Amino acid sequence: MANCVFWYPRTYHGEIKIRKDIPRTLTKRLSDKPHTEYRMVLENIESKEINEHNVPRENIKVSIKNDPSNNPLVEFTLIQKKASRNGLVLYAYDEKLLESLSLTEKDGEALWSAIYHFSKDFYHVHEFHDKHNDSILPPYMKKCEDIQTNNNEALIYYLTCYENKFNHYHDYAKDLLDHVKKRLFDKVQFETLMYYRPIWDRVFYRIKGAHIYYRTLVGSKYLHSADQDKFHRLILNTEQRFRKIKLIEMDVRDRVSYADASQNNRLATTAQRVGLISLTVSFISLLISLALGLLSLYLS
């Protein structure tokens, strides 16, 4: 038997139990190529065994099928061995059942990534992003005996993934700020910038949501700072990146708001000038009309 650890992102510490609004059987099409229309079926099965949270353990039966045949090419079960309130779940499975697929290392990684992210639907609520924008983290597939020991391998692995993720977020925020600086004072480019503003607003929103999921994992009682170097790299570096991202977001918003106000002021000033000229022209036209009227009366 082999094992793996899936992390189901959450905003709180609590029991691992299937969502009430999700069915126990899910089907996902893996390929639309002719004659290779593979699909994956995941079935959440409640066992009779009670887990650490005093709720029944939930196993996940995985079936890979090839349409139109309904016979599975491969079928195995992820058996829940332990569940932690921080969202980590340790599964055991019979890896020999996968041998019939003869997968390359790359294909194997793709398959497990699909299984992991598809299984998220059982437990993960997409609160800060659309389902199709879910964070693609590779699952932890190495040996892990216990997810409820201090600084266990799976916990450190997913925290490291988040360290890398926030490094990328930080690079995105810096690139956006540079982009904004270059385009603020060109009217056409500024209008383009404003058109895309809702997009970067949603990205910053997702970053803040990712930080909430991350903080739930950091708040695990199994994370201890015994190894100060590793703790500093994993936790403080990520938090520093997030603080910088928030400052960059404020800088971007301030610059754009100031430029937007300046544009509006220029438009308002121009409108006032046009209005004043129009009023002056109208007044002069009125005086000429009155003068011509008086002249016509005098001549008559």
C-alpha atoms as a PDB file:
ATOM      1  CA  MET A   1       0.000   0.000   0.000  1.00  0.00           C
ATOM      2  CA  ALA A   2       1.145   3.539  -0.795  1.00  0.00           C
ATOM      3  CA  ASN A   3      -0.152   6.758   0.672  1.00  0.00           C
ATOM      4  CA  CYS A   4      -0.695  10.389  -0.230  1.00  0.00           C
ATOM      5  CA  VAL A   5      -1.862  13.538   1.542  1.00  0.00           C
ATOM      6  CA  PHE A   6      -4.481  15.865   0.065  1.00  0.00           C
ATOM      7  CA  TRP A   7      -5.060  19.315   1.498  1.00  0.00           C
ATOM      8  CA  TYR A   8      -8.564  20.716   1.192  1.00  0.00           C
ATOM      9  CA  PRO A   9      -8.236  24.516   1.652  1.00  0.00           C
ATOM     10  CA  ARG A  10     -10.535  25.929   4.298  1.00  0.00           C
ATOM     11  CA  THR A  11     -11.108  29.143   6.212  1.00  0.00           C
ATOM     12  CA  TYR A  12     -11.456  27.479   9.606  1.00  0.00           C
ATOM     13  CA  HIS A  13     -10.271  24.505  11.649  1.00  0.00           C
ATOM     14  CA  GLY A  14     -12.939  21.833  11.693  1.00  0.00           C
ATOM     15  CA  GLU A  15     -13.963  18.292  10.897  1.00  0.00           C
ATOM     16  CA  ILE A  16     -13.411  16.867   7.432  1.00  0.00           C
ATOM     17  CA  LYS A  17     -16.854  15.905   6.187  1.00  0.00           C
ATOM     18  CA  ILE A  18     -18.487  16.059   2.769  1.00  0.00           C
ATOM     19  CA  ARG A  19     -20.325  19.293   1.926  1.00  0.00           C
ATOM     20  CA  LYS A  20     -24.098  19.117   2.258  1.00  0.00           C
ATOM     21  CA  ASP A  21     -24.618  20.734  -1.149  1.00  0.00           C
ATOM     22  CA  ILE A  22     -22.531  18.241  -3.149  1.00  0.00           C
ATOM     23  CA  PRO A  23     -23.505  14.753  -4.394  1.00  0.00           C
ATOM     24  CA  ARG A  24     -21.498  11.723  -3.319  1.00  0.00           C
ATOM     25  CA  THR A  25     -20.701  10.758  -6.915  1.00  0.00           C
ATOM     26  CA  LEU A  26     -18.936  13.149  -9.297  1.00  0.00           C
ATOM     27  CA  THR A  27     -18.030  12.624 -12.949  1.00  0.00           C
ATOM     28  CA  LYS A  28     -15.421  14.554 -14.917  1.00  0.00           C
ATOM     29  CA  ARG A  29     -14.484  14.178 -18.587  1.00  0.00           C
ATOM     30  CA  LEU A  30     -10.714  13.925 -18.993  1.00  0.00           C
ATOM     31  CA  SER A  31     -10.443  13.952 -22.791  1.00  0.00           C
ATOM     32  CA  ASP A  32     -12.603  14.855 -25.772  1.00  0.00           C
ATOM     33  CA  LYS A  33     -10.370  13.261 -28.406  1.00  0.00           C
ATOM     34  CA  PRO A  34     -12.139  10.762 -30.708  1.00  0.00           C
ATOM     35  CA  HIS A  35     -11.993   7.190 -29.417  1.00  0.00           C
ATOM     36  CA  THR A  36     -10.286   8.337 -26.181  1.00  0.00           C
ATOM     37  CA  GLU A  37     -13.161   9.979 -24.333  1.00  0.00           C
ATOM     38  CA  TYR A  38     -11.885   9.142 -20.888  1.00  0.00           C
ATOM     39  CA  ARG A  39     -13.831  10.161 -17.833  1.00  0.00           C
ATOM     40  CA  MET A  40     -13.156   9.983 -14.130  1.00  0.00           C
ATOM     41  CA  VAL A  41     -15.783   9.015 -11.573  1.00  0.00           C
ATOM     42  CA  LEU A  42     -15.202   9.776  -7.899  1.00  0.00           C
ATOM     43  CA  GLU A  43     -17.507   8.290  -5.294  1.00  0.00           C
ATOM     44  CA  ASN A  44     -17.412   9.472  -1.694  1.00  0.00           C
ATOM     45  CA  ILE A  45     -18.136   6.446   0.500  1.00  0.00           C
ATOM     46  CA  GLU A  46     -18.891   6.810   4.203  1.00  0.00           C
ATOM     47  CA  SER A  47     -17.258   3.982   6.153  1.00  0.00           C
ATOM     48  CA  LYS A  48     -18.290   2.483   9.481  1.00  0.00           C
ATOM     49  CA  GLU A  49     -15.026   3.586  11.104  1.00  0.00           C
ATOM     50  CA  ILE A  50     -15.083   6.782  13.200  1.00  0.00           C
ATOM     51  CA  ASN A  51     -12.228   9.232  12.696  1.00  0.00           C
ATOM     52  CA  GLU A  52     -10.465  11.671  15.029  1.00  0.00           C
ATOM     53  CA  HIS A  53     -13.333  14.162  14.821  1.00  0.00           C
ATOM     54  CA  ASN A  54     -15.924  11.623  15.906  1.00  0.00           C
ATOM     55  CA  VAL A  55     -17.453  11.439  12.415  1.00  0.00           C
ATOM     56  CA  PRO A  56     -17.364   8.470   9.992  1.00  0.00           C
ATOM     57  CA  ARG A  57     -14.276   8.271   7.800  1.00  0.00           C
ATOM     58  CA  GLU A  58     -14.970   8.991   4.138  1.00  0.00           C
ATOM     59  CA  ASN A  59     -13.137   7.018   1.485  1.00  0.00           C
ATOM     60  CA  ILE A  60     -12.989   8.020  -2.182  1.00  0.00           C
ATOM     61  CA  LYS A  61     -13.473   5.382  -4.865  1.00  0.00           C
ATOM     62  CA  VAL A  62     -11.700   6.358  -8.103  1.00  0.00           C
ATOM     63  CA  SER A  63     -12.773   4.912 -11.476  1.00  0.00           C
ATOM     64  CA  ILE A  64     -11.249   5.747 -14.869  1.00  0.00           C
ATOM     65  CA  LYS A  65     -13.610   4.811 -17.698  1.00  0.00           C
ATOM     66  CA  ASN A  66     -13.559   4.986 -21.477  1.00  0.00           C
ATOM     67  CA  ASP A  67     -16.834   5.940 -23.206  1.00  0.00           C
ATOM     68  CA  PRO A  68     -19.012   4.474 -24.586  1.00  0.00           C
ATOM     69  CA  SER A  69     -18.034   1.438 -22.533  1.00  0.00           C
ATOM     70  CA  ASN A  70     -18.974   1.735 -18.897  1.00  0.00           C
ATOM     71  CA  ASN A  71     -16.364  -0.772 -17.789  1.00  0.00           C
ATOM     72  CA  PRO A  72     -13.579   0.878 -15.746  1.00  0.00           C
ATOM     73  CA  LEU A  73     -10.049   0.762 -17.118  1.00  0.00           C
ATOM     74  CA  VAL A  74      -8.806   1.052 -13.563  1.00  0.00           C
ATOM     75  CA  GLU A  75     -10.506   1.294 -10.208  1.00  0.00           C
ATOM     76  CA  PHE A  76      -9.096   1.800  -6.724  1.00  0.00           C
ATOM     77  CA  THR A  77     -10.046   3.399  -3.412  1.00  0.00           C
ATOM     78  CA  LEU A  78      -8.398   6.183  -1.448  1.00  0.00           C
ATOM     79  CA  ILE A  79      -8.813   4.962   2.125  1.00  0.00           C
ATOM     80  CA  GLN A  80      -8.871   7.732   4.702  1.00  0.00           C
ATOM     81  CA  LYS A  81      -6.338   6.934   7.416  1.00  0.00           C
ATOM     82  CA  LYS A  82      -6.224  10.267   9.239  1.00  0.00           C
ATOM     83  CA  ALA A  83      -7.906  13.654   8.960  1.00  0.00           C
ATOM     84  CA  SER A  84      -6.592  16.859  10.485  1.00  0.00           C
ATOM     85  CA  ARG A  85      -8.696  19.920  11.274  1.00  0.00           C
ATOM     86  CA  ASN A  86      -6.343  22.062   9.172  1.00  0.00           C
ATOM     87  CA  GLY A  87      -7.652  20.346   6.017  1.00  0.00           C
ATOM     88  CA  LEU A  88      -4.970  17.655   5.557  1.00  0.00           C
ATOM     89  CA  VAL A  89      -6.200  14.132   4.862  1.00  0.00           C
ATOM     90  CA  LEU A  90      -3.926  11.077   4.749  1.00  0.00           C
ATOM     91  CA  TYR A  91      -5.039   8.381   2.300  1.00  0.00           C
ATOM     92  CA  ALA A  92      -3.750   4.869   1.605  1.00  0.00           C
ATOM     93  CA  TYR A  93      -4.244   3.116  -1.735  1.00  0.00           C
ATOM     94  CA  ASP A  94      -3.108   0.011  -3.608  1.00  0.00           C
ATOM     95  CA  GLU A  95      -0.656   1.358  -6.198  1.00  0.00           C
ATOM     96  CA  LYS A  96      -0.565  -2.030  -7.975  1.00  0.00           C
ATOM     97  CA  LEU A  97      -4.080  -1.402  -9.259  1.00  0.00           C
ATOM     98  CA  LEU A  98      -2.688   1.477 -11.360  1.00  0.00           C
ATOM     99  CA  GLU A  99      -0.049  -0.622 -13.098  1.00  0.00           C
ATOM    100  CA  SER A 100      -2.441  -1.602 -15.905  1.00  0.00           C
ATOM    101  CA  LEU A 101      -2.442   2.028 -17.123  1.00  0.00           C
ATOM    102  CA  SER A 102       1.345   1.906 -17.786  1.00  0.00           C
ATOM    103  CA  LEU A 103       1.651   5.630 -17.119  1.00  0.00           C
ATOM    104  CA  THR A 104       4.787   7.661 -17.695  1.00  0.00           C
ATOM    105  CA  GLU A 105       5.987   9.767 -14.773  1.00  0.00           C
ATOM    106  CA  LYS A 106       4.505  12.898 -16.375  1.00  0.00           C
ATOM    107  CA  ASP A 107       1.157  11.229 -17.078  1.00  0.00           C
ATOM    108  CA  GLY A 108       1.096   9.865 -13.543  1.00  0.00           C
ATOM    109  CA  GLU A 109       1.574  13.362 -12.112  1.00  0.00           C
ATOM    110  CA  ALA A 110      -1.215  14.675 -14.347  1.00  0.00           C
ATOM    111  CA  LEU A 111      -3.561  11.882 -13.242  1.00  0.00           C
ATOM    112  CA  TRP A 112      -2.961  12.464  -9.535  1.00  0.00           C
ATOM    113  CA  SER A 113      -3.331  16.205  -9.990  1.00  0.00           C
ATOM    114  CA  ALA A 114      -6.726  15.592 -11.639  1.00  0.00           C
ATOM    115  CA  ILE A 115      -7.819  13.219  -8.855  1.00  0.00           C
ATOM    116  CA  TYR A 116      -6.749  15.668  -6.154  1.00  0.00           C
ATOM    117  CA  HIS A 117      -8.374  18.761  -7.643  1.00  0.00           C
ATOM    118  CA  PHE A 118     -11.541  16.903  -8.578  1.00  0.00           C
ATOM    119  CA  SER A 119     -11.824  15.480  -5.049  1.00  0.00           C
ATOM    120  CA  LYS A 120     -11.667  19.037  -3.686  1.00  0.00           C
ATOM    121  CA  ASP A 121     -15.292  19.468  -4.716  1.00  0.00           C
ATOM    122  CA  PHE A 122     -16.313  17.153  -1.877  1.00  0.00           C
ATOM    123  CA  TYR A 123     -14.835  19.414   0.810  1.00  0.00           C
ATOM    124  CA  HIS A 124     -13.614  22.757  -0.517  1.00  0.00           C
ATOM    125  CA  VAL A 125     -15.913  25.770  -0.893  1.00  0.00           C
ATOM    126  CA  HIS A 126     -14.775  28.236  -3.578  1.00  0.00           C
ATOM    127  CA  GLU A 127     -15.357  31.339  -1.473  1.00  0.00           C
ATOM    128  CA  PHE A 128     -12.769  33.699  -2.971  1.00  0.00           C
ATOM    129  CA  HIS A 129     -12.539  32.471  -6.558  1.00  0.00           C
ATOM    130  CA  ASP A 130     -14.600  30.840  -9.252  1.00  0.00           C
ATOM    131  CA  LYS A 131     -14.288  27.089  -9.548  1.00  0.00           C
ATOM    132  CA  HIS A 132     -12.337  27.358 -12.822  1.00  0.00           C
ATOM    133  CA  ASN A 133      -9.865  29.720 -11.118  1.00  0.00           C
ATOM    134  CA  ASP A 134      -9.050  27.264  -8.354  1.00  0.00           C
ATOM    135  CA  SER A 135      -5.439  27.212  -7.254  1.00  0.00           C
ATOM    136  CA  ILE A 136      -3.554  24.380  -8.937  1.00  0.00           C
ATOM    137  CA  LEU A 137      -1.285  22.912  -6.272  1.00  0.00           C
ATOM    138  CA  PRO A 138       0.288  19.512  -6.952  1.00  0.00           C
ATOM    139  CA  PRO A 139      -0.758  16.940  -4.330  1.00  0.00           C
ATOM    140  CA  TYR A 140       1.686  15.489  -1.820  1.00  0.00           C
ATOM    141  CA  MET A 141       2.469  11.973  -3.076  1.00  0.00           C
ATOM    142  CA  LYS A 142       5.549  11.096  -1.004  1.00  0.00           C
ATOM    143  CA  LYS A 143       5.689   8.885   2.056  1.00  0.00           C
ATOM    144  CA  CYS A 144       4.028  10.400   5.104  1.00  0.00           C
ATOM    145  CA  GLU A 145       3.176   8.271   8.094  1.00  0.00           C
ATOM    146  CA  ASP A 146       1.357  10.807  10.236  1.00  0.00           C
ATOM    147  CA  ILE A 147      -0.168  14.220   9.487  1.00  0.00           C
ATOM    148  CA  GLN A 148      -0.659  14.878  13.180  1.00  0.00           C
ATOM    149  CA  THR A 149       2.972  15.174  14.186  1.00  0.00           C
ATOM    150  CA  ASN A 150       4.862  18.433  14.596  1.00  0.00           C
ATOM    151  CA  ASN A 151       6.117  19.922  11.316  1.00  0.00           C
ATOM    152  CA  ASN A 152       5.132  16.788   9.388  1.00  0.00           C
ATOM    153  CA  GLU A 153       6.298  16.506   5.784  1.00  0.00           C
ATOM    154  CA  ALA A 154       2.902  17.134   4.176  1.00  0.00           C
ATOM    155  CA  LEU A 155       2.260  20.280   6.237  1.00  0.00           C
ATOM    156  CA  ILE A 156       5.677  21.711   5.365  1.00  0.00           C
ATOM    157  CA  TYR A 157       5.171  20.762   1.704  1.00  0.00           C
ATOM    158  CA  TYR A 158       1.898  22.694   1.300  1.00  0.00           C
ATOM    159  CA  LEU A 159       3.290  25.693   3.195  1.00  0.00           C
ATOM    160  CA  THR A 160       6.262  25.676   0.810  1.00  0.00           C
ATOM    161  CA  CYS A 161       3.816  25.646  -2.108  1.00  0.00           C
ATOM    162  CA  TYR A 162       2.231  28.772  -0.663  1.00  0.00           C
ATOM    163  CA  GLU A 163       5.584  30.442  -0.214  1.00  0.00           C
ATOM    164  CA  ASN A 164       6.185  29.960  -3.948  1.00  0.00           C
ATOM    165  CA  LYS A 165       2.638  31.045  -4.759  1.00  0.00           C
ATOM    166  CA  PHE A 166       3.000  34.363  -2.906  1.00  0.00           C
ATOM    167  CA  ASN A 167       6.341  34.977  -4.589  1.00  0.00           C
ATOM    168  CA  HIS A 168       4.474  34.772  -7.913  1.00  0.00           C
ATOM    169  CA  TYR A 169       1.670  36.984  -6.576  1.00  0.00           C
ATOM    170  CA  HIS A 170       4.269  39.554  -5.528  1.00  0.00           C
ATOM    171  CA  ASP A 171       5.863  39.521  -8.995  1.00  0.00           C
ATOM    172  CA  TYR A 172       2.417  40.045 -10.544  1.00  0.00           C
ATOM    173  CA  ALA A 173       1.685  43.000  -8.245  1.00  0.00           C
ATOM    174  CA  LYS A 174       5.028  44.657  -9.060  1.00  0.00           C
ATOM    175  CA  ASP A 175       4.472  44.185 -12.803  1.00  0.00           C
ATOM    176  CA  LEU A 176       1.003  45.710 -12.476  1.00  0.00           C
ATOM    177  CA  LEU A 177       2.375  48.739 -10.619  1.00  0.00           C
ATOM    178  CA  ASP A 178       5.012  49.289 -13.326  1.00  0.00           C
ATOM    179  CA  HIS A 179       2.283  48.927 -15.953  1.00  0.00           C
ATOM    180  CA  VAL A 180       0.144  51.541 -14.196  1.00  0.00           C
ATOM    181  CA  LYS A 181       3.037  54.019 -13.834  1.00  0.00           C
ATOM    182  CA  LYS A 182       3.737  53.909 -17.587  1.00  0.00           C
ATOM    183  CA  ARG A 183       0.149  54.482 -18.675  1.00  0.00           C
ATOM    184  CA  LEU A 184      -1.310  57.016 -16.265  1.00  0.00           C
ATOM    185  CA  PHE A 185      -0.671  60.171 -18.269  1.00  0.00           C
ATOM    186  CA  ASP A 186      -1.636  58.977 -21.737  1.00  0.00           C
ATOM    187  CA  LYS A 187      -5.384  59.427 -22.247  1.00  0.00           C
ATOM    188  CA  VAL A 188      -5.915  56.446 -24.567  1.00  0.00           C
ATOM    189  CA  GLN A 189      -3.733  54.106 -22.514  1.00  0.00           C
ATOM    190  CA  PHE A 190      -5.365  55.336 -19.304  1.00  0.00           C
ATOM    191  CA  GLU A 191      -8.799  54.454 -20.673  1.00  0.00           C
ATOM    192  CA  THR A 192      -7.480  50.974 -21.528  1.00  0.00           C
ATOM    193  CA  LEU A 193      -6.087  50.719 -18.010  1.00  0.00           C
ATOM    194  CA  MET A 194      -9.468  51.599 -16.507  1.00  0.00           C
ATOM    195  CA  TYR A 195     -11.147  49.006 -18.738  1.00  0.00           C
ATOM    196  CA  TYR A 196      -9.002  46.267 -17.173  1.00  0.00           C
ATOM    197  CA  ARG A 197      -9.334  47.556 -13.624  1.00  0.00           C
ATOM    198  CA  PRO A 198     -12.092  45.039 -12.631  1.00  0.00           C
ATOM    199  CA  ILE A 199      -9.731  42.227 -13.660  1.00  0.00           C
ATOM    200  CA  TRP A 200      -6.893  43.240 -11.370  1.00  0.00           C
ATOM    201  CA  ASP A 201      -9.419  44.006  -8.607  1.00  0.00           C
ATOM    202  CA  ARG A 202     -10.560  40.366  -8.777  1.00  0.00           C
ATOM    203  CA  VAL A 203      -6.957  39.157  -8.765  1.00  0.00           C
ATOM    204  CA  PHE A 204      -6.176  41.111  -5.588  1.00  0.00           C
ATOM    205  CA  TYR A 205      -9.388  39.735  -4.071  1.00  0.00           C
ATOM    206  CA  ARG A 206      -8.277  36.178  -4.847  1.00  0.00           C
ATOM    207  CA  ILE A 207      -4.853  36.875  -3.337  1.00  0.00           C
ATOM    208  CA  LYS A 208      -6.494  37.988  -0.083  1.00  0.00           C
ATOM    209  CA  GLY A 209      -8.638  34.868  -0.137  1.00  0.00           C
ATOM    210  CA  ALA A 210      -5.586  32.680  -0.699  1.00  0.00           C
ATOM    211  CA  HIS A 211      -3.998  34.310   2.338  1.00  0.00           C
ATOM    212  CA  ILE A 212      -6.996  33.299   4.478  1.00  0.00           C
ATOM    213  CA  TYR A 213      -6.643  29.659   3.358  1.00  0.00           C
ATOM    214  CA  TYR A 214      -2.912  29.894   4.020  1.00  0.00           C
ATOM    215  CA  ARG A 215      -3.438  31.331   7.513  1.00  0.00           C
ATOM    216  CA  THR A 216      -5.703  28.399   8.395  1.00  0.00           C
ATOM    217  CA  LEU A 217      -2.888  26.023   7.492  1.00  0.00           C
ATOM    218  CA  VAL A 218      -0.336  28.136   9.384  1.00  0.00           C
ATOM    219  CA  GLY A 219      -2.627  28.062  12.421  1.00  0.00           C
ATOM    220  CA  SER A 220      -2.311  24.298  12.670  1.00  0.00           C
ATOM    221  CA  LYS A 221      -1.360  23.053  16.114  1.00  0.00           C
ATOM    222  CA  TYR A 222       1.110  20.724  14.366  1.00  0.00           C
ATOM    223  CA  LEU A 223       3.267  23.581  13.107  1.00  0.00           C
ATOM    224  CA  HIS A 224       6.022  24.472  15.567  1.00  0.00           C
ATOM    225  CA  SER A 225       8.991  26.787  15.169  1.00  0.00           C
ATOM    226  CA  ALA A 226      11.579  24.356  16.521  1.00  0.00           C
ATOM    227  CA  ASP A 227      13.578  24.739  13.318  1.00  0.00           C
ATOM    228  CA  GLN A 228      13.931  28.533  13.250  1.00  0.00           C
ATOM    229  CA  ASP A 229      15.494  28.711   9.799  1.00  0.00           C
ATOM    230  CA  LYS A 230      12.729  26.703   8.156  1.00  0.00           C
ATOM    231  CA  PHE A 231      10.030  28.518  10.132  1.00  0.00           C
ATOM    232  CA  HIS A 232      11.438  31.907   9.091  1.00  0.00           C
ATOM    233  CA  ARG A 233      11.583  30.926   5.426  1.00  0.00           C
ATOM    234  CA  LEU A 234       8.131  29.358   5.301  1.00  0.00           C
ATOM    235  CA  ILE A 235       6.143  31.751   7.443  1.00  0.00           C
ATOM    236  CA  LEU A 236       7.824  35.136   7.696  1.00  0.00           C
ATOM    237  CA  ASN A 237       8.813  35.293   4.033  1.00  0.00           C
ATOM    238  CA  THR A 238       5.261  34.543   2.916  1.00  0.00           C
ATOM    239  CA  GLU A 239       3.774  37.066   5.338  1.00  0.00           C
ATOM    240  CA  GLN A 240       6.259  39.700   4.191  1.00  0.00           C
ATOM    241  CA  ARG A 241       5.291  39.069   0.572  1.00  0.00           C
ATOM    242  CA  PHE A 242       1.606  39.459   1.442  1.00  0.00           C
ATOM    243  CA  ARG A 243       2.212  42.742   3.290  1.00  0.00           C
ATOM    244  CA  LYS A 244       4.146  44.094   0.295  1.00  0.00           C
ATOM    245  CA  ILE A 245       1.348  43.007  -2.041  1.00  0.00           C
ATOM    246  CA  LYS A 246      -1.191  44.952   0.035  1.00  0.00           C
ATOM    247  CA  LEU A 247       1.038  48.054  -0.058  1.00  0.00           C
ATOM    248  CA  ILE A 248       1.431  47.735  -3.826  1.00  0.00           C
ATOM    249  CA  GLU A 249      -2.342  47.367  -4.191  1.00  0.00           C
ATOM    250  CA  MET A 250      -2.837  50.591  -2.200  1.00  0.00           C
ATOM    251  CA  ASP A 251      -0.214  52.342  -4.345  1.00  0.00           C
ATOM    252  CA  VAL A 252      -1.910  51.178  -7.551  1.00  0.00           C
ATOM    253  CA  ARG A 253      -5.348  52.288  -6.351  1.00  0.00           C
ATOM    254  CA  ASP A 254      -4.073  55.685  -5.166  1.00  0.00           C
ATOM    255  CA  ARG A 255      -2.265  56.395  -8.430  1.00  0.00           C
ATOM    256  CA  VAL A 256      -5.219  55.376 -10.578  1.00  0.00           C
ATOM    257  CA  SER A 257      -7.727  57.265  -8.413  1.00  0.00           C
ATOM    258  CA  TYR A 258      -5.571  60.408  -8.544  1.00  0.00           C
ATOM    259  CA  ALA A 259      -5.169  60.133 -12.313  1.00  0.00           C
ATOM    260  CA  ASP A 260      -8.905  59.474 -12.713  1.00  0.00           C
ATOM    261  CA  ALA A 261      -9.737  62.543 -10.619  1.00  0.00           C
ATOM    262  CA  SER A 262      -7.266  64.622 -12.651  1.00  0.00           C
ATOM    263  CA  GLN A 263      -8.843  63.428 -15.889  1.00  0.00           C
ATOM    264  CA  ASN A 264     -12.312  64.297 -14.569  1.00  0.00           C
ATOM    265  CA  ASN A 265     -11.122  67.727 -13.411  1.00  0.00           C
ATOM    266  CA  ARG A 266      -9.654  68.435 -16.837  1.00  0.00           C
ATOM    267  CA  LEU A 267     -12.887  67.372 -18.469  1.00  0.00           C
ATOM    268  CA  ALA A 268     -14.897  69.505 -16.059  1.00  0.00           C
ATOM    269  CA  THR A 269     -12.637  72.541 -16.665  1.00  0.00           C
ATOM    270  CA  THR A 270     -12.934  72.069 -20.425  1.00  0.00           C
ATOM    271  CA  ALA A 271     -16.705  71.761 -20.129  1.00  0.00           C
ATOM    272  CA  GLN A 272     -16.836  74.960 -18.047  1.00  0.00           C
ATOM    273  CA  ARG A 273     -14.778  76.806 -20.636  1.00  0.00           C
ATOM    274  CA  VAL A 274     -16.972  75.567 -23.480  1.00  0.00           C
ATOM    275  CA  GLY A 275     -20.043  76.517 -21.470  1.00  0.00           C
ATOM    276  CA  LEU A 276     -18.677  80.000 -20.762  1.00  0.00           C
ATOM    277  CA  ILE A 277     -17.819  80.581 -24.434  1.00  0.00           C
ATOM    278  CA  SER A 278     -21.253  79.359 -25.461  1.00  0.00           C
ATOM    279  CA  LEU A 279     -22.902  81.672 -22.927  1.00  0.00           C
ATOM    280  CA  THR A 280     -20.826  84.611 -24.144  1.00  0.00           C
ATOM    281  CA  VAL A 281     -21.697  83.905 -27.771  1.00  0.00           C
ATOM    282  CA  SER A 282     -25.375  83.626 -26.861  1.00  0.00           C
ATOM    283  CA  PHE A 283     -25.255  86.938 -24.953  1.00  0.00           C
ATOM    284  CA  ILE A 284     -23.564  88.694 -27.875  1.00  0.00           C
ATOM    285  CA  SER A 285     -26.129  87.227 -30.272  1.00  0.00           C
ATOM    286  CA  LEU A 286     -28.887  88.557 -28.018  1.00  0.00           C
ATOM    287  CA  LEU A 287     -27.370  92.045 -27.996  1.00  0.00           C
ATOM    288  CA  ILE A 288     -27.056  92.021 -31.795  1.00  0.00           C
ATOM    289  CA  SER A 289     -30.664  90.868 -32.137  1.00  0.00           C
ATOM    290  CA  LEU A 290     -31.844  93.655 -29.818  1.00  0.00           C
ATOM    291  CA  ALA A 291     -29.779  96.230 -31.703  1.00  0.00           C
ATOM    292  CA  LEU A 292     -31.152  95.108 -35.040  1.00  0.00           C
ATOM    293  CA  GLY A 293     -34.658  95.209 -33.617  1.00  0.00           C
ATOM    294  CA  LEU A 294     -34.233  98.758 -32.360  1.00  0.00           C
ATOM    295  CA  LEU A 295     -32.715  99.774 -35.677  1.00  0.00           C
ATOM    296  CA  SER A 296     -35.622  98.340 -37.617  1.00  0.00           C
ATOM    297  CA  LEU A 297     -38.076 100.221 -35.390  1.00  0.00           C
ATOM    298  CA  TYR A 298     -36.141 103.445 -35.862  1.00  0.00           C
ATOM    299  CA  LEU A 299     -36.050 103.063 -39.670  1.00  0.00           C
ATOM    300  CA  SER A 300     -39.717 102.301 -39.842  1.00  0.00           C
END
